[in-house]
């Protein structure tokens, strides 16, 4: 579903939510808890994925993964892409 708004109002709350739960960090691997769609990283560059496995209460269908593409510009890391993956019926 399309969302409109500022980065701070739309993206930051979802990022804060995943970082405030037990998560695992992976390099160049999209972890997920099952999906009705194909998860893929569309860029040729490296990325990290932050994965929350979900809860037993919801049959682990409340899993959530953020993929973050990071590259270096002038010796400093910069984010070049953010992708959000989650279970959809």
N, C-alpha and C. Protein backbone atom coordinates (compact mmCIF):
# COMPACT_ATOMS: atom_id res chain seq x y z
N UNK A 1 0.84 -1.17 0.00
CA UNK A 1 0.00 0.00 0.00
C UNK A 1 0.90 1.24 0.00
N UNK A 2 0.58 2.17 -0.84
CA UNK A 2 1.37 3.39 -0.95
C UNK A 2 1.20 4.25 0.29
N UNK A 3 2.32 4.79 0.75
CA UNK A 3 2.30 5.72 1.88
C UNK A 3 2.89 7.03 1.43
N UNK A 4 2.37 8.12 1.95
CA UNK A 4 2.91 9.43 1.64
C UNK A 4 3.24 10.13 2.94
N UNK A 5 4.32 10.90 2.91
CA UNK A 5 4.72 11.65 4.08
C UNK A 5 6.23 11.80 4.10
N UNK A 6 6.70 12.45 5.12
CA UNK A 6 8.14 12.68 5.24
C UNK A 6 8.84 11.39 5.67
N UNK A 7 10.13 11.33 5.42
CA UNK A 7 10.95 10.20 5.84
C UNK A 7 10.79 9.99 7.35
N UNK A 8 10.84 11.07 8.09
CA UNK A 8 10.73 11.00 9.55
C UNK A 8 9.38 10.45 10.00
N UNK A 9 8.32 10.79 9.32
CA UNK A 9 6.98 10.36 9.72
C UNK A 9 6.61 8.96 9.22
N UNK A 10 7.17 8.55 8.09
CA UNK A 10 6.77 7.28 7.48
C UNK A 10 7.80 6.17 7.73
N UNK A 11 9.07 6.45 7.49
CA UNK A 11 10.11 5.41 7.54
C UNK A 11 10.70 5.24 8.94
N UNK A 12 11.04 6.32 9.58
CA UNK A 12 11.71 6.24 10.88
C UNK A 12 10.93 5.41 11.92
N UNK A 13 9.61 5.54 12.04
CA UNK A 13 8.91 4.71 13.03
C UNK A 13 9.07 3.20 12.77
N UNK A 14 9.05 2.77 11.50
CA UNK A 14 9.25 1.35 11.20
C UNK A 14 10.67 0.91 11.50
N UNK A 15 11.65 1.74 11.20
CA UNK A 15 13.03 1.40 11.53
C UNK A 15 13.23 1.33 13.04
N UNK A 16 12.67 2.29 13.76
CA UNK A 16 12.79 2.28 15.22
C UNK A 16 12.15 1.03 15.81
N UNK A 17 11.03 0.62 15.25
CA UNK A 17 10.33 -0.57 15.74
C UNK A 17 11.20 -1.81 15.62
N UNK A 18 11.85 -2.01 14.46
CA UNK A 18 12.66 -3.22 14.29
C UNK A 18 13.90 -3.20 15.18
N UNK A 19 14.50 -2.03 15.38
CA UNK A 19 15.68 -1.94 16.22
C UNK A 19 15.35 -2.04 17.71
N UNK A 20 14.08 -1.93 18.08
CA UNK A 20 13.67 -2.06 19.48
C UNK A 20 13.12 -3.45 19.79
N UNK A 21 13.38 -4.41 18.91
CA UNK A 21 12.99 -5.81 19.11
C UNK A 21 14.24 -6.68 18.93
N UNK A 22 14.19 -7.92 19.34
CA UNK A 22 15.32 -8.80 19.07
C UNK A 22 15.42 -9.05 17.56
N UNK A 23 16.53 -8.69 16.97
CA UNK A 23 16.71 -8.86 15.53
C UNK A 23 18.05 -9.53 15.25
N UNK A 24 18.22 -10.00 14.03
CA UNK A 24 19.50 -10.52 13.59
C UNK A 24 19.96 -9.69 12.40
N UNK A 25 21.25 -9.54 12.27
CA UNK A 25 21.85 -8.75 11.20
C UNK A 25 22.56 -9.69 10.24
N UNK A 26 22.33 -9.52 8.95
CA UNK A 26 22.91 -10.40 7.93
C UNK A 26 23.51 -9.56 6.81
N UNK A 27 24.54 -10.09 6.19
CA UNK A 27 25.19 -9.41 5.09
C UNK A 27 24.86 -10.13 3.79
N UNK A 28 24.30 -9.39 2.84
CA UNK A 28 23.97 -9.91 1.50
C UNK A 28 23.06 -11.13 1.54
N UNK A 29 22.16 -11.16 2.50
CA UNK A 29 21.20 -12.26 2.63
C UNK A 29 19.87 -11.71 3.12
N UNK A 30 18.80 -12.00 2.40
CA UNK A 30 17.47 -11.58 2.81
C UNK A 30 16.81 -12.69 3.60
N UNK A 31 16.75 -12.55 4.90
CA UNK A 31 16.06 -13.52 5.75
C UNK A 31 14.59 -13.14 5.81
N UNK A 32 13.74 -14.15 5.90
CA UNK A 32 12.31 -13.89 6.03
C UNK A 32 11.64 -15.08 6.69
N UNK A 33 10.41 -14.88 7.09
CA UNK A 33 9.67 -15.92 7.78
C UNK A 33 8.62 -16.57 6.90
N UNK A 34 8.77 -16.45 5.62
CA UNK A 34 7.78 -16.97 4.69
C UNK A 34 7.09 -15.81 4.00
N UNK A 35 6.92 -15.93 2.71
CA UNK A 35 6.31 -14.83 1.96
C UNK A 35 5.51 -15.37 0.79
N UNK A 36 4.53 -14.63 0.39
CA UNK A 36 3.73 -14.99 -0.76
C UNK A 36 4.28 -14.33 -2.02
N UNK A 37 5.43 -13.73 -1.91
CA UNK A 37 6.09 -13.06 -3.02
C UNK A 37 7.59 -13.37 -2.98
N UNK A 38 8.28 -13.12 -4.07
CA UNK A 38 9.72 -13.39 -4.15
C UNK A 38 10.49 -12.21 -3.56
N UNK A 39 11.31 -12.50 -2.57
CA UNK A 39 12.16 -11.46 -2.00
C UNK A 39 13.44 -11.40 -2.80
N UNK A 40 13.80 -10.21 -3.24
CA UNK A 40 15.06 -10.08 -3.97
C UNK A 40 15.63 -8.68 -3.77
N UNK A 41 16.95 -8.59 -3.85
CA UNK A 41 17.66 -7.33 -3.76
C UNK A 41 18.01 -6.92 -5.19
N UNK A 42 17.46 -5.83 -5.69
CA UNK A 42 17.60 -5.50 -7.11
C UNK A 42 18.90 -4.81 -7.51
N UNK A 43 19.81 -4.63 -6.56
CA UNK A 43 21.04 -3.90 -6.86
C UNK A 43 22.23 -4.85 -6.86
N UNK A 44 23.27 -4.50 -7.59
CA UNK A 44 24.47 -5.34 -7.68
C UNK A 44 25.42 -5.09 -6.50
N UNK A 45 25.12 -4.13 -5.69
CA UNK A 45 26.00 -3.77 -4.57
C UNK A 45 25.61 -4.52 -3.30
N UNK A 46 26.51 -4.48 -2.32
CA UNK A 46 26.29 -5.15 -1.04
C UNK A 46 25.20 -4.47 -0.23
N UNK A 47 24.64 -5.26 0.71
CA UNK A 47 23.60 -4.73 1.59
C UNK A 47 23.61 -5.49 2.91
N UNK A 48 22.98 -4.91 3.89
CA UNK A 48 22.72 -5.56 5.17
C UNK A 48 21.23 -5.80 5.28
N UNK A 49 20.85 -6.85 5.98
CA UNK A 49 19.43 -7.02 6.28
C UNK A 49 19.27 -7.15 7.79
N UNK A 50 18.26 -6.47 8.29
CA UNK A 50 17.91 -6.50 9.72
C UNK A 50 16.60 -7.27 9.78
N UNK A 51 16.64 -8.43 10.45
CA UNK A 51 15.49 -9.33 10.41
C UNK A 51 14.94 -9.60 11.81
N UNK A 52 13.64 -9.38 11.95
CA UNK A 52 12.89 -9.75 13.16
C UNK A 52 12.09 -10.99 12.79
N UNK A 53 12.27 -12.08 13.53
CA UNK A 53 11.66 -13.36 13.16
C UNK A 53 10.17 -13.44 13.39
N UNK A 54 9.61 -12.51 14.13
CA UNK A 54 8.20 -12.58 14.44
C UNK A 54 7.98 -13.21 15.81
N UNK A 55 6.72 -13.36 16.17
CA UNK A 55 6.40 -13.89 17.50
C UNK A 55 5.57 -15.16 17.38
N UNK A 56 5.72 -16.00 18.37
CA UNK A 56 4.95 -17.25 18.43
C UNK A 56 3.45 -16.95 18.47
N UNK A 57 3.09 -15.88 19.17
CA UNK A 57 1.69 -15.48 19.31
C UNK A 57 0.99 -15.37 17.94
N UNK A 58 1.70 -14.92 16.93
CA UNK A 58 1.11 -14.73 15.60
C UNK A 58 1.64 -15.75 14.59
N UNK A 59 2.12 -16.87 15.08
CA UNK A 59 2.62 -17.92 14.20
C UNK A 59 3.83 -17.48 13.39
N UNK A 60 4.57 -16.52 13.90
CA UNK A 60 5.75 -15.95 13.26
C UNK A 60 5.44 -15.27 11.93
N UNK A 61 4.17 -14.97 11.69
CA UNK A 61 3.79 -14.27 10.47
C UNK A 61 3.99 -12.76 10.60
N UNK A 62 4.35 -12.30 11.78
CA UNK A 62 4.61 -10.88 11.96
C UNK A 62 6.11 -10.56 11.80
N UNK A 63 6.80 -11.43 11.02
CA UNK A 63 8.21 -11.18 10.73
C UNK A 63 8.35 -9.88 9.94
N UNK A 64 9.55 -9.33 9.97
CA UNK A 64 9.80 -8.04 9.33
C UNK A 64 11.28 -7.97 8.98
N UNK A 65 11.62 -7.53 7.80
CA UNK A 65 13.01 -7.37 7.40
C UNK A 65 13.20 -6.04 6.69
N UNK A 66 14.24 -5.32 7.10
CA UNK A 66 14.67 -4.12 6.39
C UNK A 66 16.00 -4.45 5.72
N UNK A 67 16.13 -4.15 4.44
CA UNK A 67 17.39 -4.30 3.73
C UNK A 67 17.95 -2.89 3.52
N UNK A 68 19.24 -2.74 3.81
CA UNK A 68 19.88 -1.43 3.76
C UNK A 68 21.14 -1.52 2.90
N UNK A 69 21.12 -0.83 1.79
CA UNK A 69 22.30 -0.76 0.93
C UNK A 69 23.22 0.34 1.41
N UNK A 70 24.48 -0.02 1.63
CA UNK A 70 25.46 0.94 2.12
C UNK A 70 26.66 0.95 1.19
N UNK A 71 27.11 2.13 0.82
CA UNK A 71 28.34 2.26 0.06
C UNK A 71 29.15 3.39 0.68
N UNK A 72 30.39 3.53 0.25
CA UNK A 72 31.25 4.56 0.82
C UNK A 72 31.50 5.66 -0.19
N UNK A 73 31.35 6.89 0.27
CA UNK A 73 31.63 8.07 -0.53
C UNK A 73 32.60 8.94 0.26
N UNK A 74 33.74 9.19 -0.31
CA UNK A 74 34.79 9.97 0.37
C UNK A 74 35.14 9.36 1.72
N UNK A 75 35.15 8.02 1.78
CA UNK A 75 35.54 7.33 3.00
C UNK A 75 34.46 7.27 4.07
N UNK A 76 33.25 7.74 3.76
CA UNK A 76 32.16 7.73 4.75
C UNK A 76 31.02 6.86 4.24
N UNK A 77 30.41 6.06 5.13
CA UNK A 77 29.29 5.23 4.69
C UNK A 77 28.05 6.06 4.43
N UNK A 78 27.37 5.74 3.34
CA UNK A 78 26.10 6.39 3.01
C UNK A 78 25.10 5.31 2.60
N UNK A 79 23.85 5.56 2.90
CA UNK A 79 22.78 4.63 2.51
C UNK A 79 22.37 4.96 1.08
N UNK A 80 22.38 3.95 0.20
CA UNK A 80 21.94 4.19 -1.17
C UNK A 80 20.57 3.58 -1.44
N UNK A 81 20.10 2.69 -0.56
CA UNK A 81 18.77 2.09 -0.77
C UNK A 81 18.24 1.52 0.53
N UNK A 82 16.94 1.59 0.71
CA UNK A 82 16.23 0.97 1.82
C UNK A 82 15.05 0.20 1.25
N UNK A 83 14.89 -1.05 1.68
CA UNK A 83 13.73 -1.84 1.26
C UNK A 83 13.12 -2.51 2.47
N UNK A 84 11.81 -2.56 2.51
CA UNK A 84 11.07 -3.10 3.63
C UNK A 84 10.32 -4.35 3.16
N UNK A 85 10.52 -5.47 3.86
CA UNK A 85 9.85 -6.72 3.53
C UNK A 85 9.07 -7.20 4.75
N UNK A 86 7.87 -7.76 4.52
CA UNK A 86 7.06 -8.28 5.61
C UNK A 86 6.04 -9.24 5.01
N UNK A 87 5.41 -10.03 5.88
CA UNK A 87 4.43 -11.00 5.43
C UNK A 87 3.18 -10.29 4.94
N UNK A 88 2.67 -10.77 3.82
CA UNK A 88 1.40 -10.27 3.28
C UNK A 88 0.54 -11.46 2.92
N UNK A 89 -0.75 -11.42 3.26
CA UNK A 89 -1.61 -12.55 2.92
C UNK A 89 -1.87 -12.66 1.42
